[in-house]
Amino acid sequence: MLLNSLRDLTRHTSGLDIDMIKIMGDDGSVEFEGINDDKTVVLKGSFLKNVPEFEGTFGLSQLDYLTKCVNEYKQKDDSIDVVRIEKTFSVPAKDDDGATLHTEGGEVVYDKVTENIIERLIFSRKSPKMVNPYRVLDRRMITEQPSFKGAQWDVVITPTSQAINSLAVQAGMGVEEYFGVKTEDNVLYLTFGDTSSQAIVEFAHDVEGEITRSWIWGVGPVLNILKMSDSADCTMSFLDKGALQITLETGLAKYNYIMPAKAR
């Protein structure tokens, strides 16, 4: 379960310039989140079943190395061991309402908390013997992640493989690195370039709702995510106020990729 979960996670974050994933395991559920280097893709997701080894809050970095490990250790006798340690943290003290406590002088009050946390993963093979340790980040080394509490999406579609291929063909033209979206007569179109020389891709039919504003998103990250949908259920959700979410559900996890729009 652990190896398959890691393999699924690394497969659905590779190629997006996400260099760290925050894992939050608590009460039988595991959520994860991350953001790419230029802050154009925010990942929020969860495993569909509990992964007991992921209890606690920690970070996964060096994702290229981790990806190589989980893809290499596939033989029947390969294994992955979890090394846990007791560690004491200083964390901001909270009152009953969840607000941070301060001294009369305005300084933050800290509590000492001891947790049993993951320190590292050890990938191993019996014959020929091979061992690869992988150290995780403790919670103090995790960068703050952006919050997203969901939205009432204006348009939701399920892209077909033909639609994704049409986007890939247009991207291959190499003319525009951004695309816009418009709806007309229950059809959703992707647009490339300004109105004087605009390329158009017919992307979805029988669309409910409409997009009325001129936003744009990067072709590269959207196409990279959509190409992962060959082994997952996929939906695309558009917010007229300027956001796009692509959701992939793989059977092991649910991935929400949120992309704020740019003005055209």
C-alpha atoms as a PDB file:
ATOM      1  CA  MET A   1       0.000   0.000   0.000  1.00  0.00           C
ATOM      2  CA  LEU A   2       2.749   2.468   0.940  1.00  0.00           C
ATOM      3  CA  LEU A   3       4.809   1.921  -2.224  1.00  0.00           C
ATOM      4  CA  ASN A   4       1.755   2.114  -4.463  1.00  0.00           C
ATOM      5  CA  SER A   5       0.616   5.311  -2.734  1.00  0.00           C
ATOM      6  CA  LEU A   6       4.034   6.935  -3.152  1.00  0.00           C
ATOM      7  CA  ARG A   7       4.217   5.802  -6.764  1.00  0.00           C
ATOM      8  CA  ASP A   8       0.807   7.305  -7.478  1.00  0.00           C
ATOM      9  CA  LEU A   9       1.710  10.560  -5.718  1.00  0.00           C
ATOM     10  CA  THR A  10       5.023  11.056  -7.514  1.00  0.00           C
ATOM     11  CA  ARG A  11       3.507  10.172 -10.888  1.00  0.00           C
ATOM     12  CA  HIS A  12       0.842  12.847 -10.500  1.00  0.00           C
ATOM     13  CA  THR A  13       3.218  15.595  -9.382  1.00  0.00           C
ATOM     14  CA  SER A  14       6.134  15.070 -11.767  1.00  0.00           C
ATOM     15  CA  GLY A  15       6.649  17.591 -14.557  1.00  0.00           C
ATOM     16  CA  LEU A  16       4.848  20.369 -12.676  1.00  0.00           C
ATOM     17  CA  ASP A  17       7.881  21.949 -10.920  1.00  0.00           C
ATOM     18  CA  ILE A  18       6.486  21.058  -7.481  1.00  0.00           C
ATOM     19  CA  ASP A  19       9.562  20.599  -5.295  1.00  0.00           C
ATOM     20  CA  MET A  20       7.905  19.770  -1.954  1.00  0.00           C
ATOM     21  CA  ILE A  21       4.710  18.011  -0.877  1.00  0.00           C
ATOM     22  CA  LYS A  22       3.245  18.461   2.587  1.00  0.00           C
ATOM     23  CA  ILE A  23       1.679  15.277   4.038  1.00  0.00           C
ATOM     24  CA  MET A  24      -0.942  15.507   6.792  1.00  0.00           C
ATOM     25  CA  GLY A  25      -2.075  12.198   8.276  1.00  0.00           C
ATOM     26  CA  ASP A  26      -4.599  12.268  11.102  1.00  0.00           C
ATOM     27  CA  ASP A  27      -7.601  10.268  12.336  1.00  0.00           C
ATOM     28  CA  GLY A  28      -7.425   7.644   9.619  1.00  0.00           C
ATOM     29  CA  SER A  29      -7.154  10.022   6.653  1.00  0.00           C
ATOM     30  CA  VAL A  30      -4.214  11.463   4.712  1.00  0.00           C
ATOM     31  CA  GLU A  31      -4.247  14.787   2.873  1.00  0.00           C
ATOM     32  CA  PHE A  32      -1.439  16.370   0.869  1.00  0.00           C
ATOM     33  CA  GLU A  33      -0.669  19.721  -0.734  1.00  0.00           C
ATOM     34  CA  GLY A  34       2.018  21.527  -2.691  1.00  0.00           C
ATOM     35  CA  ILE A  35       2.671  24.432  -5.024  1.00  0.00           C
ATOM     36  CA  ASN A  36       4.920  24.807  -8.058  1.00  0.00           C
ATOM     37  CA  ASP A  37       7.858  27.197  -8.314  1.00  0.00           C
ATOM     38  CA  ASP A  38       6.059  30.072 -10.018  1.00  0.00           C
ATOM     39  CA  LYS A  39       2.879  29.634  -7.936  1.00  0.00           C
ATOM     40  CA  THR A  40       0.668  28.963 -10.960  1.00  0.00           C
ATOM     41  CA  VAL A  41      -0.401  25.461  -9.814  1.00  0.00           C
ATOM     42  CA  VAL A  42      -1.642  24.682  -6.312  1.00  0.00           C
ATOM     43  CA  LEU A  43      -2.149  21.005  -5.442  1.00  0.00           C
ATOM     44  CA  LYS A  44      -4.678  19.881  -2.836  1.00  0.00           C
ATOM     45  CA  GLY A  45      -5.479  16.202  -2.517  1.00  0.00           C
ATOM     46  CA  SER A  46      -6.116  13.172  -0.371  1.00  0.00           C
ATOM     47  CA  PHE A  47      -5.704   9.418  -0.466  1.00  0.00           C
ATOM     48  CA  LEU A  48      -8.988   7.550  -0.838  1.00  0.00           C
ATOM     49  CA  LYS A  49      -7.965   5.044   1.822  1.00  0.00           C
ATOM     50  CA  ASN A  50      -5.857   5.562   4.909  1.00  0.00           C
ATOM     51  CA  VAL A  51      -2.096   5.060   4.595  1.00  0.00           C
ATOM     52  CA  PRO A  52      -1.134   4.204   8.207  1.00  0.00           C
ATOM     53  CA  GLU A  53       2.574   4.907   7.648  1.00  0.00           C
ATOM     54  CA  PHE A  54       1.701   8.544   6.863  1.00  0.00           C
ATOM     55  CA  GLU A  55       0.534   9.386  10.374  1.00  0.00           C
ATOM     56  CA  GLY A  56       1.649  12.906  11.321  1.00  0.00           C
ATOM     57  CA  THR A  57       2.686  16.028   9.426  1.00  0.00           C
ATOM     58  CA  PHE A  58       5.876  15.995   7.354  1.00  0.00           C
ATOM     59  CA  GLY A  59       7.249  16.974   3.967  1.00  0.00           C
ATOM     60  CA  LEU A  60       8.485  15.100   0.913  1.00  0.00           C
ATOM     61  CA  SER A  61      11.284  16.872  -0.946  1.00  0.00           C
ATOM     62  CA  GLN A  62      13.928  15.663  -3.438  1.00  0.00           C
ATOM     63  CA  LEU A  63      10.996  14.378  -5.478  1.00  0.00           C
ATOM     64  CA  ASP A  64      13.132  13.335  -8.464  1.00  0.00           C
ATOM     65  CA  TYR A  65      15.108  11.003  -6.197  1.00  0.00           C
ATOM     66  CA  LEU A  66      11.952   9.705  -4.514  1.00  0.00           C
ATOM     67  CA  THR A  67      10.371   9.042  -7.910  1.00  0.00           C
ATOM     68  CA  LYS A  68      13.379   7.013  -9.017  1.00  0.00           C
ATOM     69  CA  CYS A  69      13.264   4.977  -5.796  1.00  0.00           C
ATOM     70  CA  VAL A  70       9.563   4.088  -5.997  1.00  0.00           C
ATOM     71  CA  ASN A  71       9.878   3.194  -9.680  1.00  0.00           C
ATOM     72  CA  GLU A  72      13.005   1.059  -9.168  1.00  0.00           C
ATOM     73  CA  TYR A  73      11.852  -1.005  -6.190  1.00  0.00           C
ATOM     74  CA  LYS A  74       9.189  -3.116  -7.903  1.00  0.00           C
ATOM     75  CA  GLN A  75      10.558  -6.642  -7.492  1.00  0.00           C
ATOM     76  CA  LYS A  76       8.678  -9.185  -5.400  1.00  0.00           C
ATOM     77  CA  ASP A  77      11.181  -9.148  -2.522  1.00  0.00           C
ATOM     78  CA  ASP A  78      11.732  -5.383  -2.508  1.00  0.00           C
ATOM     79  CA  SER A  79      10.600  -3.577   0.626  1.00  0.00           C
ATOM     80  CA  ILE A  80      10.237  -0.154   2.166  1.00  0.00           C
ATOM     81  CA  ASP A  81      10.767   0.395   5.888  1.00  0.00           C
ATOM     82  CA  VAL A  82       9.588   3.417   7.840  1.00  0.00           C
ATOM     83  CA  VAL A  83      11.908   4.764  10.546  1.00  0.00           C
ATOM     84  CA  ARG A  84      10.088   6.808  13.199  1.00  0.00           C
ATOM     85  CA  ILE A  85      11.549   8.777  16.117  1.00  0.00           C
ATOM     86  CA  GLU A  86      10.265  10.718  19.120  1.00  0.00           C
ATOM     87  CA  LYS A  87      10.817  14.430  18.572  1.00  0.00           C
ATOM     88  CA  THR A  88       9.913  17.479  20.651  1.00  0.00           C
ATOM     89  CA  PHE A  89       8.707  20.650  18.912  1.00  0.00           C
ATOM     90  CA  SER A  90       7.948  24.157  20.101  1.00  0.00           C
ATOM     91  CA  VAL A  91       4.573  25.147  18.680  1.00  0.00           C
ATOM     92  CA  PRO A  92       2.478  28.300  19.201  1.00  0.00           C
ATOM     93  CA  ALA A  93       0.044  27.844  22.081  1.00  0.00           C
ATOM     94  CA  LYS A  94      -3.650  28.169  21.216  1.00  0.00           C
ATOM     95  CA  ASP A  95      -6.697  29.161  23.248  1.00  0.00           C
ATOM     96  CA  ASP A  96     -10.013  27.279  23.175  1.00  0.00           C
ATOM     97  CA  ASP A  97     -11.045  29.153  20.012  1.00  0.00           C
ATOM     98  CA  GLY A  98      -7.837  28.268  18.168  1.00  0.00           C
ATOM     99  CA  ALA A  99      -6.277  31.736  18.403  1.00  0.00           C
ATOM    100  CA  THR A 100      -2.531  32.066  19.110  1.00  0.00           C
ATOM    101  CA  LEU A 101      -1.729  33.082  22.697  1.00  0.00           C
ATOM    102  CA  HIS A 102       0.544  36.056  23.433  1.00  0.00           C
ATOM    103  CA  THR A 103       2.226  37.431  26.530  1.00  0.00           C
ATOM    104  CA  GLU A 104       1.304  40.855  27.870  1.00  0.00           C
ATOM    105  CA  GLY A 105       4.315  42.155  25.963  1.00  0.00           C
ATOM    106  CA  GLY A 106       2.922  40.785  22.697  1.00  0.00           C
ATOM    107  CA  GLU A 107       5.293  37.821  22.299  1.00  0.00           C
ATOM    108  CA  VAL A 108       3.954  34.488  21.085  1.00  0.00           C
ATOM    109  CA  VAL A 109       3.551  31.795  23.770  1.00  0.00           C
ATOM    110  CA  TYR A 110       4.955  28.383  22.835  1.00  0.00           C
ATOM    111  CA  ASP A 111       4.103  24.881  24.060  1.00  0.00           C
ATOM    112  CA  LYS A 112       6.394  21.861  23.976  1.00  0.00           C
ATOM    113  CA  VAL A 113       4.888  18.972  22.006  1.00  0.00           C
ATOM    114  CA  THR A 114       6.436  15.511  21.633  1.00  0.00           C
ATOM    115  CA  GLU A 115       5.425  13.506  18.571  1.00  0.00           C
ATOM    116  CA  ASN A 116       6.298  10.171  17.054  1.00  0.00           C
ATOM    117  CA  ILE A 117       7.234  11.217  13.521  1.00  0.00           C
ATOM    118  CA  ILE A 118       8.651   9.720  10.346  1.00  0.00           C
ATOM    119  CA  GLU A 119      12.358  10.442  10.020  1.00  0.00           C
ATOM    120  CA  ARG A 120      13.186   8.493   6.861  1.00  0.00           C
ATOM    121  CA  LEU A 121      12.126   5.761   4.467  1.00  0.00           C
ATOM    122  CA  ILE A 122      14.502   2.937   3.565  1.00  0.00           C
ATOM    123  CA  PHE A 123      14.099   1.193   0.213  1.00  0.00           C
ATOM    124  CA  SER A 124      15.854  -2.177   0.069  1.00  0.00           C
ATOM    125  CA  ARG A 125      16.406  -5.175  -2.182  1.00  0.00           C
ATOM    126  CA  LYS A 126      17.627  -8.547  -0.972  1.00  0.00           C
ATOM    127  CA  SER A 127      19.421  -9.816  -4.063  1.00  0.00           C
ATOM    128  CA  PRO A 128      21.572  -8.301  -5.304  1.00  0.00           C
ATOM    129  CA  LYS A 129      21.616  -6.225  -2.147  1.00  0.00           C
ATOM    130  CA  MET A 130      20.708  -2.592  -2.672  1.00  0.00           C
ATOM    131  CA  VAL A 131      19.620   0.069  -0.165  1.00  0.00           C
ATOM    132  CA  ASN A 132      18.437   3.642  -0.714  1.00  0.00           C
ATOM    133  CA  PRO A 133      17.515   5.799   2.311  1.00  0.00           C
ATOM    134  CA  TYR A 134      15.208   8.776   1.861  1.00  0.00           C
ATOM    135  CA  ARG A 135      14.914  11.437   4.562  1.00  0.00           C
ATOM    136  CA  VAL A 136      11.676  13.365   4.988  1.00  0.00           C
ATOM    137  CA  LEU A 137      11.269  16.951   6.210  1.00  0.00           C
ATOM    138  CA  ASP A 138       9.904  17.606   9.668  1.00  0.00           C
ATOM    139  CA  ARG A 139       7.068  20.086  10.054  1.00  0.00           C
ATOM    140  CA  ARG A 140       9.343  23.010  10.954  1.00  0.00           C
ATOM    141  CA  MET A 141      11.039  22.851   7.541  1.00  0.00           C
ATOM    142  CA  ILE A 142       7.819  22.920   5.502  1.00  0.00           C
ATOM    143  CA  THR A 143       7.067  26.179   3.720  1.00  0.00           C
ATOM    144  CA  GLU A 144       3.627  27.687   4.260  1.00  0.00           C
ATOM    145  CA  GLN A 145       1.095  26.456   1.725  1.00  0.00           C
ATOM    146  CA  PRO A 146      -1.658  28.647   0.223  1.00  0.00           C
ATOM    147  CA  SER A 147      -5.181  28.022   1.479  1.00  0.00           C
ATOM    148  CA  PHE A 148      -8.108  27.221  -0.811  1.00  0.00           C
ATOM    149  CA  LYS A 149     -11.527  26.490   0.660  1.00  0.00           C
ATOM    150  CA  GLY A 150     -13.258  25.530  -2.572  1.00  0.00           C
ATOM    151  CA  ALA A 151     -15.541  27.444  -4.911  1.00  0.00           C
ATOM    152  CA  GLN A 152     -18.951  27.365  -6.577  1.00  0.00           C
ATOM    153  CA  TRP A 153     -17.743  26.567 -10.073  1.00  0.00           C
ATOM    154  CA  ASP A 154     -19.555  28.155 -13.030  1.00  0.00           C
ATOM    155  CA  VAL A 155     -18.693  25.520 -15.642  1.00  0.00           C
ATOM    156  CA  VAL A 156     -17.722  21.861 -15.073  1.00  0.00           C
ATOM    157  CA  ILE A 157     -16.747  19.557 -17.952  1.00  0.00           C
ATOM    158  CA  THR A 158     -15.266  16.107 -18.491  1.00  0.00           C
ATOM    159  CA  PRO A 159     -12.613  16.445 -21.215  1.00  0.00           C
ATOM    160  CA  THR A 160     -12.455  13.661 -23.780  1.00  0.00           C
ATOM    161  CA  SER A 161      -9.224  12.148 -25.072  1.00  0.00           C
ATOM    162  CA  GLN A 162     -10.007  13.755 -28.446  1.00  0.00           C
ATOM    163  CA  ALA A 163     -10.304  17.191 -26.802  1.00  0.00           C
ATOM    164  CA  ILE A 164      -7.028  16.723 -24.935  1.00  0.00           C
ATOM    165  CA  ASN A 165      -5.345  15.644 -28.168  1.00  0.00           C
ATOM    166  CA  SER A 166      -6.667  18.777 -29.923  1.00  0.00           C
ATOM    167  CA  LEU A 167      -5.138  20.921 -27.176  1.00  0.00           C
ATOM    168  CA  ALA A 168      -1.856  19.040 -27.571  1.00  0.00           C
ATOM    169  CA  VAL A 169      -1.890  19.680 -31.340  1.00  0.00           C
ATOM    170  CA  GLN A 170      -2.499  23.390 -30.790  1.00  0.00           C
ATOM    171  CA  ALA A 171       0.259  23.515 -28.155  1.00  0.00           C
ATOM    172  CA  GLY A 172       2.588  21.877 -30.658  1.00  0.00           C
ATOM    173  CA  MET A 173       2.127  24.829 -32.986  1.00  0.00           C
ATOM    174  CA  GLY A 174       4.336  26.735 -30.554  1.00  0.00           C
ATOM    175  CA  VAL A 175       2.658  30.073 -31.237  1.00  0.00           C
ATOM    176  CA  GLU A 176       0.890  30.832 -27.941  1.00  0.00           C
ATOM    177  CA  GLU A 177       1.863  29.758 -24.432  1.00  0.00           C
ATOM    178  CA  TYR A 178      -1.491  30.830 -22.936  1.00  0.00           C
ATOM    179  CA  PHE A 179      -5.099  30.017 -23.749  1.00  0.00           C
ATOM    180  CA  GLY A 180      -8.438  31.564 -22.910  1.00  0.00           C
ATOM    181  CA  VAL A 181     -11.905  30.071 -22.539  1.00  0.00           C
ATOM    182  CA  LYS A 182     -15.256  31.127 -23.936  1.00  0.00           C
ATOM    183  CA  THR A 183     -18.699  29.525 -24.005  1.00  0.00           C
ATOM    184  CA  GLU A 184     -21.166  29.879 -26.885  1.00  0.00           C
ATOM    185  CA  ASP A 185     -24.360  27.898 -27.573  1.00  0.00           C
ATOM    186  CA  ASN A 186     -23.473  25.340 -24.881  1.00  0.00           C
ATOM    187  CA  VAL A 187     -20.046  24.718 -26.417  1.00  0.00           C
ATOM    188  CA  LEU A 188     -16.787  25.508 -24.608  1.00  0.00           C
ATOM    189  CA  TYR A 189     -13.957  26.771 -26.787  1.00  0.00           C
ATOM    190  CA  LEU A 190     -10.278  27.277 -25.996  1.00  0.00           C
ATOM    191  CA  THR A 191      -8.868  30.404 -27.625  1.00  0.00           C
ATOM    192  CA  PHE A 192      -5.276  31.279 -28.476  1.00  0.00           C
ATOM    193  CA  GLY A 193      -4.016  34.760 -29.282  1.00  0.00           C
ATOM    194  CA  ASP A 194      -5.850  38.065 -29.581  1.00  0.00           C
ATOM    195  CA  THR A 195      -9.116  38.585 -31.434  1.00  0.00           C
ATOM    196  CA  SER A 196      -7.426  39.797 -34.621  1.00  0.00           C
ATOM    197  CA  SER A 197      -5.693  36.441 -35.238  1.00  0.00           C
ATOM    198  CA  GLN A 198      -7.307  34.036 -32.816  1.00  0.00           C
ATOM    199  CA  ALA A 199      -6.945  30.256 -33.024  1.00  0.00           C
ATOM    200  CA  ILE A 200      -9.856  28.235 -31.617  1.00  0.00           C
ATOM    201  CA  VAL A 201     -10.228  24.663 -30.324  1.00  0.00           C
ATOM    202  CA  GLU A 202     -13.702  23.212 -29.826  1.00  0.00           C
ATOM    203  CA  PHE A 203     -13.226  21.505 -26.464  1.00  0.00           C
ATOM    204  CA  ALA A 204     -16.554  20.426 -24.876  1.00  0.00           C
ATOM    205  CA  HIS A 205     -20.251  20.161 -25.783  1.00  0.00           C
ATOM    206  CA  ASP A 206     -23.525  20.296 -23.825  1.00  0.00           C
ATOM    207  CA  VAL A 207     -21.930  22.736 -21.416  1.00  0.00           C
ATOM    208  CA  GLU A 208     -24.017  24.195 -18.604  1.00  0.00           C
ATOM    209  CA  GLY A 209     -23.138  27.654 -17.330  1.00  0.00           C
ATOM    210  CA  GLU A 210     -21.003  30.246 -19.057  1.00  0.00           C
ATOM    211  CA  ILE A 211     -17.700  32.069 -18.919  1.00  0.00           C
ATOM    212  CA  THR A 212     -18.013  35.794 -19.597  1.00  0.00           C
ATOM    213  CA  ARG A 213     -14.606  37.180 -18.670  1.00  0.00           C
ATOM    214  CA  SER A 214     -11.315  37.128 -20.583  1.00  0.00           C
ATOM    215  CA  TRP A 215      -8.897  35.119 -18.450  1.00  0.00           C
ATOM    216  CA  ILE A 216      -5.899  33.093 -19.607  1.00  0.00           C
ATOM    217  CA  TRP A 217      -3.952  30.087 -18.285  1.00  0.00           C
ATOM    218  CA  GLY A 218      -0.636  28.528 -19.234  1.00  0.00           C
ATOM    219  CA  VAL A 219      -0.937  25.785 -21.851  1.00  0.00           C
ATOM    220  CA  GLY A 220       2.061  23.813 -20.526  1.00  0.00           C
ATOM    221  CA  PRO A 221       0.941  22.983 -16.976  1.00  0.00           C
ATOM    222  CA  VAL A 222      -2.684  22.364 -18.011  1.00  0.00           C
ATOM    223  CA  LEU A 223      -1.637  19.953 -20.761  1.00  0.00           C
ATOM    224  CA  ASN A 224       0.834  18.169 -18.465  1.00  0.00           C
ATOM    225  CA  ILE A 225      -1.949  17.526 -15.952  1.00  0.00           C
ATOM    226  CA  LEU A 226      -4.499  16.454 -18.570  1.00  0.00           C
ATOM    227  CA  LYS A 227      -2.030  13.950 -20.024  1.00  0.00           C
ATOM    228  CA  MET A 228      -2.075  12.168 -16.648  1.00  0.00           C
ATOM    229  CA  SER A 229      -5.805  11.496 -17.081  1.00  0.00           C
ATOM    230  CA  ASP A 230      -5.177   8.401 -19.212  1.00  0.00           C
ATOM    231  CA  SER A 231      -5.400   6.336 -16.011  1.00  0.00           C
ATOM    232  CA  ALA A 232      -7.759   8.544 -13.994  1.00  0.00           C
ATOM    233  CA  ASP A 233     -11.224  10.084 -13.981  1.00  0.00           C
ATOM    234  CA  CYS A 234     -10.867  13.749 -14.936  1.00  0.00           C
ATOM    235  CA  THR A 235     -12.995  16.876 -14.603  1.00  0.00           C
ATOM    236  CA  MET A 236     -12.216  20.521 -15.354  1.00  0.00           C
ATOM    237  CA  SER A 237     -13.974  23.277 -13.393  1.00  0.00           C
ATOM    238  CA  PHE A 238     -13.934  26.952 -14.379  1.00  0.00           C
ATOM    239  CA  LEU A 239     -14.729  29.956 -12.216  1.00  0.00           C
ATOM    240  CA  ASP A 240     -15.847  33.083 -14.044  1.00  0.00           C
ATOM    241  CA  LYS A 241     -14.035  35.154 -11.422  1.00  0.00           C
ATOM    242  CA  GLY A 242     -10.723  33.662 -12.589  1.00  0.00           C
ATOM    243  CA  ALA A 243      -9.735  30.137 -11.586  1.00  0.00           C
ATOM    244  CA  LEU A 244      -9.437  26.686 -13.123  1.00  0.00           C
ATOM    245  CA  GLN A 245      -9.394  23.387 -11.253  1.00  0.00           C
ATOM    246  CA  ILE A 246      -8.486  20.036 -12.792  1.00  0.00           C
ATOM    247  CA  THR A 247      -9.488  17.038 -10.682  1.00  0.00           C
ATOM    248  CA  LEU A 248      -8.006  13.573 -11.205  1.00  0.00           C
ATOM    249  CA  GLU A 249      -9.207  10.513  -9.293  1.00  0.00           C
ATOM    250  CA  THR A 250      -6.931   7.525  -9.755  1.00  0.00           C
ATOM    251  CA  GLY A 251      -8.435   4.846  -7.528  1.00  0.00           C
ATOM    252  CA  LEU A 252      -5.760   5.516  -4.900  1.00  0.00           C
ATOM    253  CA  ALA A 253      -6.023   9.286  -4.501  1.00  0.00           C
ATOM    254  CA  LYS A 254      -7.884  12.398  -5.524  1.00  0.00           C
ATOM    255  CA  TYR A 255      -5.842  15.299  -6.906  1.00  0.00           C
ATOM    256  CA  ASN A 256      -7.149  18.857  -7.229  1.00  0.00           C
ATOM    257  CA  TYR A 257      -4.882  21.155  -9.256  1.00  0.00           C
ATOM    258  CA  ILE A 258      -6.009  24.773  -8.789  1.00  0.00           C
ATOM    259  CA  MET A 259      -4.703  27.390 -11.220  1.00  0.00           C
ATOM    260  CA  PRO A 260      -5.421  31.100 -10.699  1.00  0.00           C
ATOM    261  CA  ALA A 261      -6.082  32.935 -13.960  1.00  0.00           C
ATOM    262  CA  LYS A 262      -4.133  35.807 -15.453  1.00  0.00           C
ATOM    263  CA  ALA A 263      -5.652  38.838 -17.141  1.00  0.00           C
ATOM    264  CA  ARG A 264      -5.420  38.703 -20.924  1.00  0.00           C
END
